[in-house]
Amino acid sequence: MTNDELVASQLEELAEISKWLRRERELAFYGEIDFIPTEEYTKEDALKAIEGARKTVKAAEEVIEAVL
């Protein structure tokens, strides 16, 4: 499987990861009146965000490497 095929096979998952990270980033940075990030997010939430970001960066690196 080429890098292009590998990334293409992951597009749906990468889109879901990016959507979740974008949505949660706003709350994590700014909170809400009834949502205090340090009280609401867990270690598991942080690990999910880190893993999702790593997977997305790895896919982006593979695409860039294939283009160069």
PDB file of N, CA and C in Angstrom:
ATOM      1  N   MET A   1       0.855  -1.183   0.000  1.00  0.00           N
ATOM      2  CA  MET A   1       0.000   0.000   0.000  1.00  0.00           C
ATOM      3  C   MET A   1       0.898   1.242   0.000  1.00  0.00           C
ATOM      4  N   THR A   2       0.639   2.136  -0.926  1.00  0.00           N
ATOM      5  CA  THR A   2       1.424   3.370  -1.003  1.00  0.00           C
ATOM      6  C   THR A   2       0.991   4.335   0.092  1.00  0.00           C
ATOM      7  N   ASN A   3       1.805   5.376   0.318  1.00  0.00           N
ATOM      8  CA  ASN A   3       1.445   6.403   1.305  1.00  0.00           C
ATOM      9  C   ASN A   3       0.112   7.048   0.962  1.00  0.00           C
ATOM     10  N   ASP A   4      -0.107   7.316  -0.329  1.00  0.00           N
ATOM     11  CA  ASP A   4      -1.367   7.927  -0.762  1.00  0.00           C
ATOM     12  C   ASP A   4      -2.550   7.043  -0.405  1.00  0.00           C
ATOM     13  N   GLU A   5      -2.418   5.753  -0.677  1.00  0.00           N
ATOM     14  CA  GLU A   5      -3.501   4.813  -0.371  1.00  0.00           C
ATOM     15  C   GLU A   5      -3.722   4.699   1.131  1.00  0.00           C
ATOM     16  N   LEU A   6      -2.636   4.705   1.880  1.00  0.00           N
ATOM     17  CA  LEU A   6      -2.745   4.622   3.332  1.00  0.00           C
ATOM     18  C   LEU A   6      -3.483   5.828   3.891  1.00  0.00           C
ATOM     19  N   VAL A   7      -3.100   7.009   3.475  1.00  0.00           N
ATOM     20  CA  VAL A   7      -3.756   8.228   3.951  1.00  0.00           C
ATOM     21  C   VAL A   7      -5.205   8.253   3.485  1.00  0.00           C
ATOM     22  N   ALA A   8      -5.454   7.885   2.235  1.00  0.00           N
ATOM     23  CA  ALA A   8      -6.826   7.870   1.716  1.00  0.00           C
ATOM     24  C   ALA A   8      -7.707   6.936   2.533  1.00  0.00           C
ATOM     25  N   SER A   9      -7.155   5.810   2.967  1.00  0.00           N
ATOM     26  CA  SER A   9      -7.935   4.864   3.762  1.00  0.00           C
ATOM     27  C   SER A   9      -8.232   5.397   5.162  1.00  0.00           C
ATOM     28  N   GLN A  10      -7.496   6.411   5.590  1.00  0.00           N
ATOM     29  CA  GLN A  10      -7.670   6.986   6.926  1.00  0.00           C
ATOM     30  C   GLN A  10      -8.446   8.298   6.915  1.00  0.00           C
ATOM     31  N   LEU A  11      -8.862   8.774   5.743  1.00  0.00           N
ATOM     32  CA  LEU A  11      -9.460  10.108   5.648  1.00  0.00           C
ATOM     33  C   LEU A  11     -10.675  10.295   6.545  1.00  0.00           C
ATOM     34  N   GLU A  12     -11.566   9.327   6.573  1.00  0.00           N
ATOM     35  CA  GLU A  12     -12.766   9.465   7.402  1.00  0.00           C
ATOM     36  C   GLU A  12     -12.392   9.588   8.880  1.00  0.00           C
ATOM     37  N   GLU A  13     -11.484   8.737   9.329  1.00  0.00           N
ATOM     38  CA  GLU A  13     -11.046   8.794  10.724  1.00  0.00           C
ATOM     39  C   GLU A  13     -10.338  10.114  11.020  1.00  0.00           C
ATOM     40  N   LEU A  14      -9.476  10.562  10.108  1.00  0.00           N
ATOM     41  CA  LEU A  14      -8.758  11.824  10.304  1.00  0.00           C
ATOM     42  C   LEU A  14      -9.722  13.002  10.357  1.00  0.00           C
ATOM     43  N   ALA A  15     -10.764  12.965   9.544  1.00  0.00           N
ATOM     44  CA  ALA A  15     -11.772  14.031   9.570  1.00  0.00           C
ATOM     45  C   ALA A  15     -12.500  14.048  10.907  1.00  0.00           C
ATOM     46  N   GLU A  16     -12.835  12.875  11.433  1.00  0.00           N
ATOM     47  CA  GLU A  16     -13.513  12.797  12.736  1.00  0.00           C
ATOM     48  C   GLU A  16     -12.603  13.297  13.860  1.00  0.00           C
ATOM     49  N   ILE A  17     -11.341  12.912  13.810  1.00  0.00           N
ATOM     50  CA  ILE A  17     -10.372  13.378  14.811  1.00  0.00           C
ATOM     51  C   ILE A  17     -10.271  14.896  14.764  1.00  0.00           C
ATOM     52  N   SER A  18     -10.112  15.447  13.580  1.00  0.00           N
ATOM     53  CA  SER A  18      -9.973  16.898  13.429  1.00  0.00           C
ATOM     54  C   SER A  18     -11.217  17.631  13.901  1.00  0.00           C
ATOM     55  N   LYS A  19     -12.374  17.089  13.587  1.00  0.00           N
ATOM     56  CA  LYS A  19     -13.640  17.699  14.021  1.00  0.00           C
ATOM     57  C   LYS A  19     -13.725  17.712  15.548  1.00  0.00           C
ATOM     58  N   TRP A  20     -13.385  16.585  16.175  1.00  0.00           N
ATOM     59  CA  TRP A  20     -13.443  16.499  17.635  1.00  0.00           C
ATOM     60  C   TRP A  20     -12.435  17.459  18.279  1.00  0.00           C
ATOM     61  N   LEU A  21     -11.207  17.480  17.749  1.00  0.00           N
ATOM     62  CA  LEU A  21     -10.184  18.369  18.303  1.00  0.00           C
ATOM     63  C   LEU A  21     -10.588  19.838  18.175  1.00  0.00           C
ATOM     64  N   ARG A  22     -11.158  20.219  17.046  1.00  0.00           N
ATOM     65  CA  ARG A  22     -11.579  21.606  16.848  1.00  0.00           C
ATOM     66  C   ARG A  22     -12.674  21.981  17.843  1.00  0.00           C
ATOM     67  N   ARG A  23     -13.653  21.111  17.980  1.00  0.00           N
ATOM     68  CA  ARG A  23     -14.770  21.387  18.881  1.00  0.00           C
ATOM     69  C   ARG A  23     -14.282  21.501  20.337  1.00  0.00           C
ATOM     70  N   GLU A  24     -13.440  20.582  20.743  1.00  0.00           N
ATOM     71  CA  GLU A  24     -12.972  20.570  22.130  1.00  0.00           C
ATOM     72  C   GLU A  24     -11.965  21.680  22.416  1.00  0.00           C
ATOM     73  N   ARG A  25     -11.226  22.109  21.406  1.00  0.00           N
ATOM     74  CA  ARG A  25     -10.229  23.165  21.610  1.00  0.00           C
ATOM     75  C   ARG A  25     -10.883  24.439  22.123  1.00  0.00           C
ATOM     76  N   GLU A  26     -11.999  24.809  21.527  1.00  0.00           N
ATOM     77  CA  GLU A  26     -12.676  26.036  21.947  1.00  0.00           C
ATOM     78  C   GLU A  26     -13.065  25.968  23.423  1.00  0.00           C
ATOM     79  N   LEU A  27     -13.660  24.862  23.832  1.00  0.00           N
ATOM     80  CA  LEU A  27     -14.031  24.719  25.242  1.00  0.00           C
ATOM     81  C   LEU A  27     -12.801  24.664  26.138  1.00  0.00           C
ATOM     82  N   ALA A  28     -11.766  23.952  25.688  1.00  0.00           N
ATOM     83  CA  ALA A  28     -10.557  23.823  26.495  1.00  0.00           C
ATOM     84  C   ALA A  28      -9.869  25.169  26.697  1.00  0.00           C
ATOM     85  N   PHE A  29      -9.861  26.013  25.665  1.00  0.00           N
ATOM     86  CA  PHE A  29      -9.202  27.313  25.757  1.00  0.00           C
ATOM     87  C   PHE A  29     -10.035  28.345  26.494  1.00  0.00           C
ATOM     88  N   TYR A  30     -11.327  28.379  26.198  1.00  0.00           N
ATOM     89  CA  TYR A  30     -12.157  29.483  26.681  1.00  0.00           C
ATOM     90  C   TYR A  30     -13.207  29.083  27.703  1.00  0.00           C
ATOM     91  N   GLY A  31     -13.567  27.813  27.760  1.00  0.00           N
ATOM     92  CA  GLY A  31     -14.582  27.375  28.697  1.00  0.00           C
ATOM     93  C   GLY A  31     -15.933  28.000  28.392  1.00  0.00           C
ATOM     94  N   GLU A  32     -16.829  27.884  29.345  1.00  0.00           N
ATOM     95  CA  GLU A  32     -18.164  28.483  29.292  1.00  0.00           C
ATOM     96  C   GLU A  32     -18.526  28.845  30.720  1.00  0.00           C
ATOM     97  N   ILE A  33     -19.612  29.546  30.885  1.00  0.00           N
ATOM     98  CA  ILE A  33     -20.036  29.928  32.232  1.00  0.00           C
ATOM     99  C   ILE A  33     -20.168  28.698  33.120  1.00  0.00           C
ATOM    100  N   ASP A  34     -20.743  27.640  32.592  1.00  0.00           N
ATOM    101  CA  ASP A  34     -20.961  26.424  33.377  1.00  0.00           C
ATOM    102  C   ASP A  34     -20.005  25.284  33.002  1.00  0.00           C
ATOM    103  N   PHE A  35     -18.891  25.616  32.341  1.00  0.00           N
ATOM    104  CA  PHE A  35     -17.927  24.600  31.922  1.00  0.00           C
ATOM    105  C   PHE A  35     -16.526  25.112  32.204  1.00  0.00           C
ATOM    106  N   ILE A  36     -15.924  24.597  33.253  1.00  0.00           N
ATOM    107  CA  ILE A  36     -14.557  24.970  33.626  1.00  0.00           C
ATOM    108  C   ILE A  36     -13.637  23.834  33.160  1.00  0.00           C
ATOM    109  N   PRO A  37     -12.797  24.107  32.164  1.00  0.00           N
ATOM    110  CA  PRO A  37     -11.999  23.036  31.552  1.00  0.00           C
ATOM    111  C   PRO A  37     -11.211  22.184  32.541  1.00  0.00           C
ATOM    112  N   THR A  38     -10.577  22.803  33.524  1.00  0.00           N
ATOM    113  CA  THR A  38      -9.763  22.024  34.463  1.00  0.00           C
ATOM    114  C   THR A  38     -10.603  21.105  35.339  1.00  0.00           C
ATOM    115  N   GLU A  39     -11.890  21.373  35.424  1.00  0.00           N
ATOM    116  CA  GLU A  39     -12.775  20.517  36.214  1.00  0.00           C
ATOM    117  C   GLU A  39     -13.512  19.492  35.353  1.00  0.00           C
ATOM    118  N   GLU A  40     -13.563  19.713  34.063  1.00  0.00           N
ATOM    119  CA  GLU A  40     -14.358  18.858  33.184  1.00  0.00           C
ATOM    120  C   GLU A  40     -13.541  17.825  32.412  1.00  0.00           C
ATOM    121  N   TYR A  41     -12.336  18.181  32.007  1.00  0.00           N
ATOM    122  CA  TYR A  41     -11.542  17.263  31.201  1.00  0.00           C
ATOM    123  C   TYR A  41     -10.757  16.302  32.080  1.00  0.00           C
ATOM    124  N   THR A  42     -10.612  15.084  31.589  1.00  0.00           N
ATOM    125  CA  THR A  42      -9.894  14.043  32.318  1.00  0.00           C
ATOM    126  C   THR A  42      -8.555  13.746  31.632  1.00  0.00           C
ATOM    127  N   LYS A  43      -7.758  12.948  32.295  1.00  0.00           N
ATOM    128  CA  LYS A  43      -6.498  12.502  31.700  1.00  0.00           C
ATOM    129  C   LYS A  43      -6.781  11.721  30.413  1.00  0.00           C
ATOM    130  N   GLU A  44      -7.859  10.945  30.411  1.00  0.00           N
ATOM    131  CA  GLU A  44      -8.229  10.176  29.222  1.00  0.00           C
ATOM    132  C   GLU A  44      -8.558  11.104  28.053  1.00  0.00           C
ATOM    133  N   ASP A  45      -9.221  12.233  28.340  1.00  0.00           N
ATOM    134  CA  ASP A  45      -9.503  13.220  27.293  1.00  0.00           C
ATOM    135  C   ASP A  45      -8.199  13.761  26.711  1.00  0.00           C
ATOM    136  N   ALA A  46      -7.247  14.041  27.586  1.00  0.00           N
ATOM    137  CA  ALA A  46      -5.953  14.565  27.137  1.00  0.00           C
ATOM    138  C   ALA A  46      -5.221  13.536  26.281  1.00  0.00           C
ATOM    139  N   LEU A  47      -5.231  12.288  26.714  1.00  0.00           N
ATOM    140  CA  LEU A  47      -4.559  11.235  25.954  1.00  0.00           C
ATOM    141  C   LEU A  47      -5.226  11.019  24.593  1.00  0.00           C
ATOM    142  N   LYS A  48      -6.556  11.111  24.547  1.00  0.00           N
ATOM    143  CA  LYS A  48      -7.278  10.992  23.273  1.00  0.00           C
ATOM    144  C   LYS A  48      -6.871  12.126  22.330  1.00  0.00           C
ATOM    145  N   ALA A  49      -6.766  13.338  22.859  1.00  0.00           N
ATOM    146  CA  ALA A  49      -6.375  14.491  22.041  1.00  0.00           C
ATOM    147  C   ALA A  49      -4.949  14.331  21.523  1.00  0.00           C
ATOM    148  N   ILE A  50      -4.050  13.898  22.378  1.00  0.00           N
ATOM    149  CA  ILE A  50      -2.652  13.712  21.976  1.00  0.00           C
ATOM    150  C   ILE A  50      -2.543  12.640  20.902  1.00  0.00           C
ATOM    151  N   GLU A  51      -3.208  11.511  21.109  1.00  0.00           N
ATOM    152  CA  GLU A  51      -3.152  10.422  20.133  1.00  0.00           C
ATOM    153  C   GLU A  51      -3.753  10.849  18.793  1.00  0.00           C
ATOM    154  N   GLY A  52      -4.863  11.553  18.841  1.00  0.00           N
ATOM    155  CA  GLY A  52      -5.486  12.036  17.609  1.00  0.00           C
ATOM    156  C   GLY A  52      -4.597  13.018  16.870  1.00  0.00           C
ATOM    157  N   ALA A  53      -3.979  13.916  17.616  1.00  0.00           N
ATOM    158  CA  ALA A  53      -3.082  14.894  16.996  1.00  0.00           C
ATOM    159  C   ALA A  53      -1.869  14.197  16.385  1.00  0.00           C
ATOM    160  N   ARG A  54      -1.319  13.229  17.088  1.00  0.00           N
ATOM    161  CA  ARG A  54      -0.162  12.491  16.554  1.00  0.00           C
ATOM    162  C   ARG A  54      -0.514  11.760  15.262  1.00  0.00           C
ATOM    163  N   LYS A  55      -1.672  11.119  15.245  1.00  0.00           N
ATOM    164  CA  LYS A  55      -2.103  10.387  14.055  1.00  0.00           C
ATOM    165  C   LYS A  55      -2.289  11.338  12.872  1.00  0.00           C
ATOM    166  N   THR A  56      -2.859  12.504  13.139  1.00  0.00           N
ATOM    167  CA  THR A  56      -3.093  13.488  12.086  1.00  0.00           C
ATOM    168  C   THR A  56      -1.779  14.054  11.560  1.00  0.00           C
ATOM    169  N   VAL A  57      -0.859  14.370  12.451  1.00  0.00           N
ATOM    170  CA  VAL A  57       0.450  14.891  12.041  1.00  0.00           C
ATOM    171  C   VAL A  57       1.210  13.838  11.234  1.00  0.00           C
ATOM    172  N   LYS A  58       1.161  12.589  11.674  1.00  0.00           N
ATOM    173  CA  LYS A  58       1.852  11.518  10.942  1.00  0.00           C
ATOM    174  C   LYS A  58       1.303  11.397   9.521  1.00  0.00           C
ATOM    175  N   ALA A  59      -0.008  11.448   9.375  1.00  0.00           N
ATOM    176  CA  ALA A  59      -0.613  11.371   8.038  1.00  0.00           C
ATOM    177  C   ALA A  59      -0.186  12.559   7.185  1.00  0.00           C
ATOM    178  N   ALA A  60      -0.156  13.740   7.776  1.00  0.00           N
ATOM    179  CA  ALA A  60       0.267  14.939   7.035  1.00  0.00           C
ATOM    180  C   ALA A  60       1.724  14.813   6.606  1.00  0.00           C
ATOM    181  N   GLU A  61       2.575  14.308   7.486  1.00  0.00           N
ATOM    182  CA  GLU A  61       3.986  14.116   7.138  1.00  0.00           C
ATOM    183  C   GLU A  61       4.140  13.131   5.980  1.00  0.00           C
ATOM    184  N   GLU A  62       3.326  12.075   5.975  1.00  0.00           N
ATOM    185  CA  GLU A  62       3.390  11.092   4.894  1.00  0.00           C
ATOM    186  C   GLU A  62       2.995  11.713   3.559  1.00  0.00           C
ATOM    187  N   VAL A  63       1.981  12.560   3.583  1.00  0.00           N
ATOM    188  CA  VAL A  63       1.554  13.236   2.355  1.00  0.00           C
ATOM    189  C   VAL A  63       2.648  14.180   1.867  1.00  0.00           C
ATOM    190  N   ILE A  64       3.214  14.960   2.780  1.00  0.00           N
ATOM    191  CA  ILE A  64       4.278  15.906   2.411  1.00  0.00           C
ATOM    192  C   ILE A  64       5.482  15.156   1.857  1.00  0.00           C
ATOM    193  N   GLU A  65       5.854  14.067   2.511  1.00  0.00           N
ATOM    194  CA  GLU A  65       6.997  13.273   2.048  1.00  0.00           C
ATOM    195  C   GLU A  65       6.741  12.717   0.646  1.00  0.00           C
ATOM    196  N   ALA A  66       5.530  12.295   0.383  1.00  0.00           N
ATOM    197  CA  ALA A  66       5.194  11.741  -0.931  1.00  0.00           C
ATOM    198  C   ALA A  66       5.254  12.802  -2.022  1.00  0.00           C
ATOM    199  N   VAL A  67       4.960  14.044  -1.659  1.00  0.00           N
ATOM    200  CA  VAL A  67       4.941  15.135  -2.634  1.00  0.00           C
ATOM    201  C   VAL A  67       6.346  15.636  -2.934  1.00  0.00           C
ATOM    202  N   LEU A  68       7.215  15.611  -1.943  1.00  0.00           N
ATOM    203  CA  LEU A  68       8.570  16.151  -2.130  1.00  0.00           C
ATOM    204  C   LEU A  68       9.479  15.238  -2.896  1.00  0.00           C
TER     205      LEU A  68
END
